[in-house]
Amino acid sequence: MLRPGEIEITRHAPMPGCSAEEAQKYTRWLATHHLRKFQCRILAAPKALRQHFYNVYAYCRWADDLGDEVPEAARALELLAWWEHELDACYEGKPSHPVFVALRQTIVAKDIPKQPLPIS
């Protein structure tokens, strides 16, 4: 589990166990404020798919930051193991982290198997 303020990306995240609507609002915010080039590409996607792109992007952005933004390698590995546990819970239908609450909607809607989702 992350410590408060351990990485920047946590600053705007809602609390664990938030509603799907809150979670999707966060993934949308993250995708549209964190990386401008990605935002332009998403706007080119069909409107019906945009939220799914936001959800997948947020998952990838978090995994990347857990691996790259935590200065201590052992702690980064610990956090990536925690992230993998959160992914398992998501696929079991029990997401709690806001990113996985949102991603669960995409996994179900698009029938995404667990195998192609990398941790780092």
N, C-alpha and C. Protein backbone atom coordinates (compact mmCIF):
# COMPACT_ATOMS: atom_id res chain seq x y z
N MET A 1 0.85 -1.18 0.00
CA MET A 1 0.00 0.00 0.00
C MET A 1 0.89 1.23 0.00
N LEU A 2 0.45 2.23 -0.72
CA LEU A 2 1.19 3.48 -0.81
C LEU A 2 1.11 4.28 0.48
N ARG A 3 2.18 4.98 0.77
CA ARG A 3 2.18 5.92 1.88
C ARG A 3 1.63 7.25 1.35
N PRO A 4 0.98 8.04 2.20
CA PRO A 4 0.46 9.33 1.73
C PRO A 4 1.56 10.19 1.09
N GLY A 5 1.27 10.68 -0.12
CA GLY A 5 2.21 11.55 -0.82
C GLY A 5 3.46 10.87 -1.35
N GLU A 6 3.49 9.54 -1.36
CA GLU A 6 4.70 8.82 -1.79
C GLU A 6 5.02 9.07 -3.26
N ILE A 7 4.01 9.16 -4.09
CA ILE A 7 4.22 9.53 -5.48
C ILE A 7 3.18 10.59 -5.86
N GLU A 8 3.53 11.43 -6.79
CA GLU A 8 2.69 12.57 -7.19
C GLU A 8 1.32 12.16 -7.71
N ILE A 9 1.26 11.07 -8.41
CA ILE A 9 0.03 10.64 -9.08
C ILE A 9 -1.13 10.42 -8.11
N THR A 10 -0.84 10.25 -6.84
CA THR A 10 -1.90 9.99 -5.85
C THR A 10 -2.66 11.24 -5.45
N ARG A 11 -2.14 12.40 -5.78
CA ARG A 11 -2.68 13.66 -5.27
C ARG A 11 -4.17 13.86 -5.58
N HIS A 12 -4.62 13.50 -6.75
CA HIS A 12 -6.02 13.74 -7.13
C HIS A 12 -6.88 12.48 -7.08
N ALA A 13 -6.31 11.38 -6.65
CA ALA A 13 -7.05 10.11 -6.65
C ALA A 13 -8.12 10.09 -5.56
N PRO A 14 -9.30 9.57 -5.89
CA PRO A 14 -10.32 9.41 -4.86
C PRO A 14 -9.95 8.27 -3.91
N MET A 15 -10.67 8.12 -2.86
CA MET A 15 -10.40 7.09 -1.86
C MET A 15 -10.71 5.70 -2.41
N PRO A 16 -10.01 4.67 -1.89
CA PRO A 16 -10.34 3.30 -2.27
C PRO A 16 -11.81 3.00 -1.99
N GLY A 17 -12.40 2.19 -2.85
CA GLY A 17 -13.80 1.84 -2.69
C GLY A 17 -14.76 2.90 -3.19
N CYS A 18 -14.25 3.89 -3.93
CA CYS A 18 -15.11 4.95 -4.46
C CYS A 18 -16.06 4.37 -5.51
N SER A 19 -17.02 5.18 -5.90
CA SER A 19 -17.97 4.74 -6.92
C SER A 19 -17.29 4.64 -8.28
N ALA A 20 -17.91 3.89 -9.18
CA ALA A 20 -17.38 3.78 -10.55
C ALA A 20 -17.36 5.15 -11.21
N GLU A 21 -18.35 5.97 -10.93
CA GLU A 21 -18.40 7.31 -11.52
C GLU A 21 -17.20 8.16 -11.05
N GLU A 22 -16.90 8.13 -9.76
CA GLU A 22 -15.75 8.88 -9.24
C GLU A 22 -14.45 8.34 -9.82
N ALA A 23 -14.35 7.02 -9.92
CA ALA A 23 -13.14 6.39 -10.45
C ALA A 23 -12.92 6.78 -11.91
N GLN A 24 -13.98 6.77 -12.69
CA GLN A 24 -13.86 7.12 -14.10
C GLN A 24 -13.56 8.61 -14.27
N LYS A 25 -14.09 9.43 -13.41
CA LYS A 25 -13.77 10.86 -13.45
C LYS A 25 -12.27 11.06 -13.20
N TYR A 26 -11.71 10.29 -12.26
CA TYR A 26 -10.28 10.38 -11.98
C TYR A 26 -9.44 9.90 -13.16
N THR A 27 -9.80 8.75 -13.77
CA THR A 27 -8.99 8.25 -14.89
C THR A 27 -9.07 9.21 -16.07
N ARG A 28 -10.23 9.82 -16.26
CA ARG A 28 -10.39 10.83 -17.32
C ARG A 28 -9.50 12.04 -17.03
N TRP A 29 -9.52 12.49 -15.79
CA TRP A 29 -8.67 13.63 -15.40
C TRP A 29 -7.20 13.29 -15.61
N LEU A 30 -6.80 12.11 -15.17
CA LEU A 30 -5.39 11.71 -15.28
C LEU A 30 -4.94 11.67 -16.74
N ALA A 31 -5.75 11.07 -17.59
CA ALA A 31 -5.38 10.95 -19.00
C ALA A 31 -5.37 12.29 -19.72
N THR A 32 -6.21 13.21 -19.31
CA THR A 32 -6.29 14.49 -20.01
C THR A 32 -5.38 15.57 -19.42
N HIS A 33 -4.83 15.34 -18.24
CA HIS A 33 -3.96 16.33 -17.61
C HIS A 33 -2.51 15.89 -17.47
N HIS A 34 -2.27 14.60 -17.56
CA HIS A 34 -0.93 14.10 -17.27
C HIS A 34 -0.02 14.09 -18.50
N LEU A 35 -0.57 13.85 -19.65
CA LEU A 35 0.25 13.72 -20.85
C LEU A 35 -0.51 14.29 -22.04
N ARG A 36 -0.09 15.44 -22.51
CA ARG A 36 -0.81 16.14 -23.57
C ARG A 36 -0.87 15.37 -24.88
N LYS A 37 0.21 14.70 -25.28
CA LYS A 37 0.19 13.96 -26.55
C LYS A 37 -0.86 12.86 -26.50
N PHE A 38 -0.97 12.20 -25.36
CA PHE A 38 -1.95 11.13 -25.23
C PHE A 38 -3.36 11.70 -25.34
N GLN A 39 -3.59 12.86 -24.77
CA GLN A 39 -4.90 13.51 -24.81
C GLN A 39 -5.33 13.72 -26.26
N CYS A 40 -4.43 14.18 -27.11
CA CYS A 40 -4.76 14.40 -28.53
C CYS A 40 -5.15 13.10 -29.21
N ARG A 41 -4.46 12.03 -28.90
CA ARG A 41 -4.77 10.74 -29.51
C ARG A 41 -6.13 10.23 -29.05
N ILE A 42 -6.43 10.43 -27.80
CA ILE A 42 -7.72 9.98 -27.28
C ILE A 42 -8.86 10.73 -27.95
N LEU A 43 -8.68 12.01 -28.17
CA LEU A 43 -9.74 12.79 -28.79
C LEU A 43 -10.03 12.33 -30.22
N ALA A 44 -9.07 11.64 -30.83
CA ALA A 44 -9.27 11.10 -32.17
C ALA A 44 -10.03 9.76 -32.13
N ALA A 45 -10.10 9.17 -30.95
CA ALA A 45 -10.81 7.89 -30.80
C ALA A 45 -12.32 8.13 -30.81
N PRO A 46 -13.09 7.14 -31.22
CA PRO A 46 -14.55 7.29 -31.14
C PRO A 46 -14.97 7.61 -29.71
N LYS A 47 -15.92 8.48 -29.56
CA LYS A 47 -16.35 8.93 -28.24
C LYS A 47 -16.74 7.76 -27.33
N ALA A 48 -17.35 6.74 -27.88
CA ALA A 48 -17.78 5.58 -27.09
C ALA A 48 -16.62 4.81 -26.47
N LEU A 49 -15.43 4.98 -27.03
CA LEU A 49 -14.26 4.24 -26.51
C LEU A 49 -13.37 5.09 -25.61
N ARG A 50 -13.57 6.36 -25.54
CA ARG A 50 -12.66 7.24 -24.81
C ARG A 50 -12.50 6.87 -23.35
N GLN A 51 -13.59 6.60 -22.65
CA GLN A 51 -13.47 6.27 -21.23
C GLN A 51 -12.65 4.99 -21.05
N HIS A 52 -12.81 4.05 -21.96
CA HIS A 52 -12.02 2.83 -21.87
C HIS A 52 -10.53 3.14 -22.04
N PHE A 53 -10.20 4.02 -22.96
CA PHE A 53 -8.80 4.45 -23.12
C PHE A 53 -8.30 5.12 -21.85
N TYR A 54 -9.12 5.98 -21.24
CA TYR A 54 -8.73 6.64 -19.99
C TYR A 54 -8.42 5.60 -18.91
N ASN A 55 -9.26 4.60 -18.82
CA ASN A 55 -9.09 3.58 -17.78
C ASN A 55 -7.81 2.78 -17.97
N VAL A 56 -7.55 2.36 -19.20
CA VAL A 56 -6.33 1.60 -19.48
C VAL A 56 -5.10 2.49 -19.29
N TYR A 57 -5.17 3.72 -19.75
CA TYR A 57 -4.05 4.64 -19.56
C TYR A 57 -3.73 4.82 -18.09
N ALA A 58 -4.75 5.00 -17.26
CA ALA A 58 -4.51 5.21 -15.83
C ALA A 58 -3.82 4.00 -15.21
N TYR A 59 -4.24 2.80 -15.59
CA TYR A 59 -3.58 1.58 -15.11
C TYR A 59 -2.10 1.59 -15.48
N CYS A 60 -1.82 1.88 -16.74
CA CYS A 60 -0.43 1.89 -17.23
C CYS A 60 0.38 3.01 -16.59
N ARG A 61 -0.20 4.19 -16.45
CA ARG A 61 0.49 5.34 -15.86
C ARG A 61 0.88 5.03 -14.42
N TRP A 62 -0.05 4.43 -13.66
CA TRP A 62 0.25 4.07 -12.28
C TRP A 62 1.37 3.02 -12.21
N ALA A 63 1.28 1.99 -13.03
CA ALA A 63 2.31 0.95 -13.03
C ALA A 63 3.68 1.56 -13.34
N ASP A 64 3.71 2.44 -14.32
CA ASP A 64 4.97 3.10 -14.70
C ASP A 64 5.51 3.96 -13.56
N ASP A 65 4.64 4.74 -12.94
CA ASP A 65 5.10 5.61 -11.85
C ASP A 65 5.54 4.81 -10.63
N LEU A 66 4.86 3.71 -10.34
CA LEU A 66 5.29 2.89 -9.21
C LEU A 66 6.69 2.33 -9.44
N GLY A 67 6.99 2.01 -10.68
CA GLY A 67 8.31 1.48 -11.00
C GLY A 67 9.37 2.54 -11.16
N ASP A 68 8.99 3.73 -11.63
CA ASP A 68 9.98 4.77 -11.97
C ASP A 68 10.09 5.92 -10.99
N GLU A 69 9.02 6.25 -10.28
CA GLU A 69 9.01 7.45 -9.45
C GLU A 69 9.37 7.19 -7.99
N VAL A 70 9.43 5.94 -7.60
CA VAL A 70 9.81 5.59 -6.24
C VAL A 70 11.33 5.39 -6.23
N PRO A 71 12.06 6.23 -5.48
CA PRO A 71 13.52 6.21 -5.57
C PRO A 71 14.19 4.93 -5.08
N GLU A 72 13.60 4.26 -4.13
CA GLU A 72 14.21 3.05 -3.57
C GLU A 72 13.71 1.82 -4.34
N ALA A 73 14.63 1.08 -4.95
CA ALA A 73 14.26 -0.06 -5.81
C ALA A 73 13.44 -1.11 -5.06
N ALA A 74 13.83 -1.43 -3.86
CA ALA A 74 13.10 -2.45 -3.09
C ALA A 74 11.66 -2.01 -2.83
N ARG A 75 11.49 -0.73 -2.53
CA ARG A 75 10.14 -0.20 -2.29
C ARG A 75 9.33 -0.22 -3.59
N ALA A 76 9.96 0.12 -4.70
CA ALA A 76 9.27 0.09 -5.99
C ALA A 76 8.78 -1.34 -6.30
N LEU A 77 9.61 -2.32 -6.05
CA LEU A 77 9.21 -3.71 -6.29
C LEU A 77 8.06 -4.12 -5.36
N GLU A 78 8.12 -3.67 -4.14
CA GLU A 78 7.03 -3.93 -3.18
C GLU A 78 5.72 -3.34 -3.69
N LEU A 79 5.79 -2.11 -4.19
CA LEU A 79 4.59 -1.44 -4.70
C LEU A 79 4.07 -2.10 -5.97
N LEU A 80 4.96 -2.56 -6.83
CA LEU A 80 4.51 -3.27 -8.04
C LEU A 80 3.84 -4.59 -7.68
N ALA A 81 4.32 -5.26 -6.63
CA ALA A 81 3.66 -6.49 -6.16
C ALA A 81 2.27 -6.16 -5.62
N TRP A 82 2.15 -5.04 -4.90
CA TRP A 82 0.85 -4.59 -4.42
C TRP A 82 -0.08 -4.30 -5.60
N TRP A 83 0.45 -3.65 -6.65
CA TRP A 83 -0.35 -3.33 -7.84
C TRP A 83 -0.85 -4.60 -8.51
N GLU A 84 0.00 -5.62 -8.56
CA GLU A 84 -0.41 -6.90 -9.14
C GLU A 84 -1.53 -7.52 -8.31
N HIS A 85 -1.44 -7.42 -6.99
CA HIS A 85 -2.50 -7.92 -6.11
C HIS A 85 -3.81 -7.18 -6.39
N GLU A 86 -3.73 -5.87 -6.61
CA GLU A 86 -4.91 -5.08 -6.94
C GLU A 86 -5.51 -5.52 -8.28
N LEU A 87 -4.64 -5.86 -9.24
CA LEU A 87 -5.13 -6.36 -10.53
C LEU A 87 -5.85 -7.69 -10.34
N ASP A 88 -5.28 -8.56 -9.52
CA ASP A 88 -5.94 -9.84 -9.23
C ASP A 88 -7.33 -9.61 -8.64
N ALA A 89 -7.43 -8.69 -7.67
CA ALA A 89 -8.72 -8.38 -7.05
C ALA A 89 -9.70 -7.83 -8.09
N CYS A 90 -9.20 -7.05 -9.01
CA CYS A 90 -10.05 -6.49 -10.07
C CYS A 90 -10.63 -7.62 -10.92
N TYR A 91 -9.80 -8.57 -11.31
CA TYR A 91 -10.28 -9.67 -12.14
C TYR A 91 -11.18 -10.63 -11.36
N GLU A 92 -11.09 -10.60 -10.04
CA GLU A 92 -11.98 -11.40 -9.20
C GLU A 92 -13.29 -10.67 -8.93
N GLY A 93 -13.43 -9.46 -9.49
CA GLY A 93 -14.65 -8.69 -9.32
C GLY A 93 -14.70 -7.92 -8.01
N LYS A 94 -13.52 -7.72 -7.37
CA LYS A 94 -13.46 -7.02 -6.08
C LYS A 94 -12.47 -5.87 -6.12
N PRO A 95 -12.59 -4.96 -7.10
CA PRO A 95 -11.63 -3.85 -7.14
C PRO A 95 -11.89 -2.87 -6.01
N SER A 96 -10.81 -2.29 -5.48
CA SER A 96 -10.99 -1.26 -4.46
C SER A 96 -10.26 0.02 -4.84
N HIS A 97 -9.07 -0.11 -5.42
CA HIS A 97 -8.33 1.08 -5.84
C HIS A 97 -9.12 1.76 -6.96
N PRO A 98 -9.19 3.10 -6.95
CA PRO A 98 -9.98 3.81 -7.96
C PRO A 98 -9.65 3.44 -9.41
N VAL A 99 -8.38 3.25 -9.71
CA VAL A 99 -8.01 2.88 -11.08
C VAL A 99 -8.63 1.54 -11.46
N PHE A 100 -8.64 0.61 -10.53
CA PHE A 100 -9.19 -0.71 -10.83
C PHE A 100 -10.72 -0.71 -10.81
N VAL A 101 -11.32 0.17 -10.03
CA VAL A 101 -12.78 0.32 -10.08
C VAL A 101 -13.17 0.75 -11.49
N ALA A 102 -12.44 1.70 -12.05
CA ALA A 102 -12.71 2.16 -13.42
C ALA A 102 -12.33 1.09 -14.44
N LEU A 103 -11.16 0.49 -14.28
CA LEU A 103 -10.68 -0.50 -15.24
C LEU A 103 -11.60 -1.71 -15.29
N ARG A 104 -12.21 -2.06 -14.18
CA ARG A 104 -13.13 -3.20 -14.15
C ARG A 104 -14.25 -3.02 -15.18
N GLN A 105 -14.73 -1.80 -15.33
CA GLN A 105 -15.78 -1.51 -16.31
C GLN A 105 -15.31 -1.84 -17.72
N THR A 106 -14.06 -1.50 -18.02
CA THR A 106 -13.48 -1.76 -19.34
C THR A 106 -13.23 -3.25 -19.55
N ILE A 107 -12.69 -3.90 -18.54
CA ILE A 107 -12.40 -5.34 -18.62
C ILE A 107 -13.67 -6.12 -18.95
N VAL A 108 -14.75 -5.78 -18.25
CA VAL A 108 -16.02 -6.48 -18.46
C VAL A 108 -16.62 -6.12 -19.82
N ALA A 109 -16.66 -4.83 -20.14
CA ALA A 109 -17.28 -4.38 -21.38
C ALA A 109 -16.56 -4.90 -22.62
N LYS A 110 -15.24 -4.99 -22.55
CA LYS A 110 -14.46 -5.37 -23.72
C LYS A 110 -13.88 -6.78 -23.62
N ASP A 111 -14.26 -7.50 -22.58
CA ASP A 111 -13.82 -8.89 -22.38
C ASP A 111 -12.30 -9.03 -22.50
N ILE A 112 -11.59 -8.24 -21.72
CA ILE A 112 -10.12 -8.24 -21.77
C ILE A 112 -9.57 -9.32 -20.85
N PRO A 113 -8.82 -10.27 -21.41
CA PRO A 113 -8.22 -11.29 -20.55
C PRO A 113 -7.08 -10.70 -19.72
N LYS A 114 -6.78 -11.30 -18.60
CA LYS A 114 -5.75 -10.79 -17.71
C LYS A 114 -4.35 -10.88 -18.32
N GLN A 115 -4.08 -11.88 -19.08
CA GLN A 115 -2.74 -12.12 -19.60
C GLN A 115 -2.07 -10.93 -20.28
N PRO A 116 -2.76 -10.16 -21.13
CA PRO A 116 -2.03 -9.08 -21.81
C PRO A 116 -1.75 -7.85 -20.97
N LEU A 117 -2.23 -7.78 -19.73
CA LEU A 117 -2.00 -6.60 -18.92
C LEU A 117 -0.69 -6.73 -18.15
N PRO A 118 0.33 -6.00 -18.59
CA PRO A 118 1.63 -6.10 -17.91
C PRO A 118 1.62 -5.29 -16.61
N ILE A 119 2.48 -5.66 -15.70
CA ILE A 119 2.63 -4.95 -14.44
C ILE A 119 3.64 -3.81 -14.60
N SER A 120 4.71 -4.01 -15.30
CA SER A 120 5.69 -2.93 -15.45
C SER A 120 6.21 -2.88 -16.88
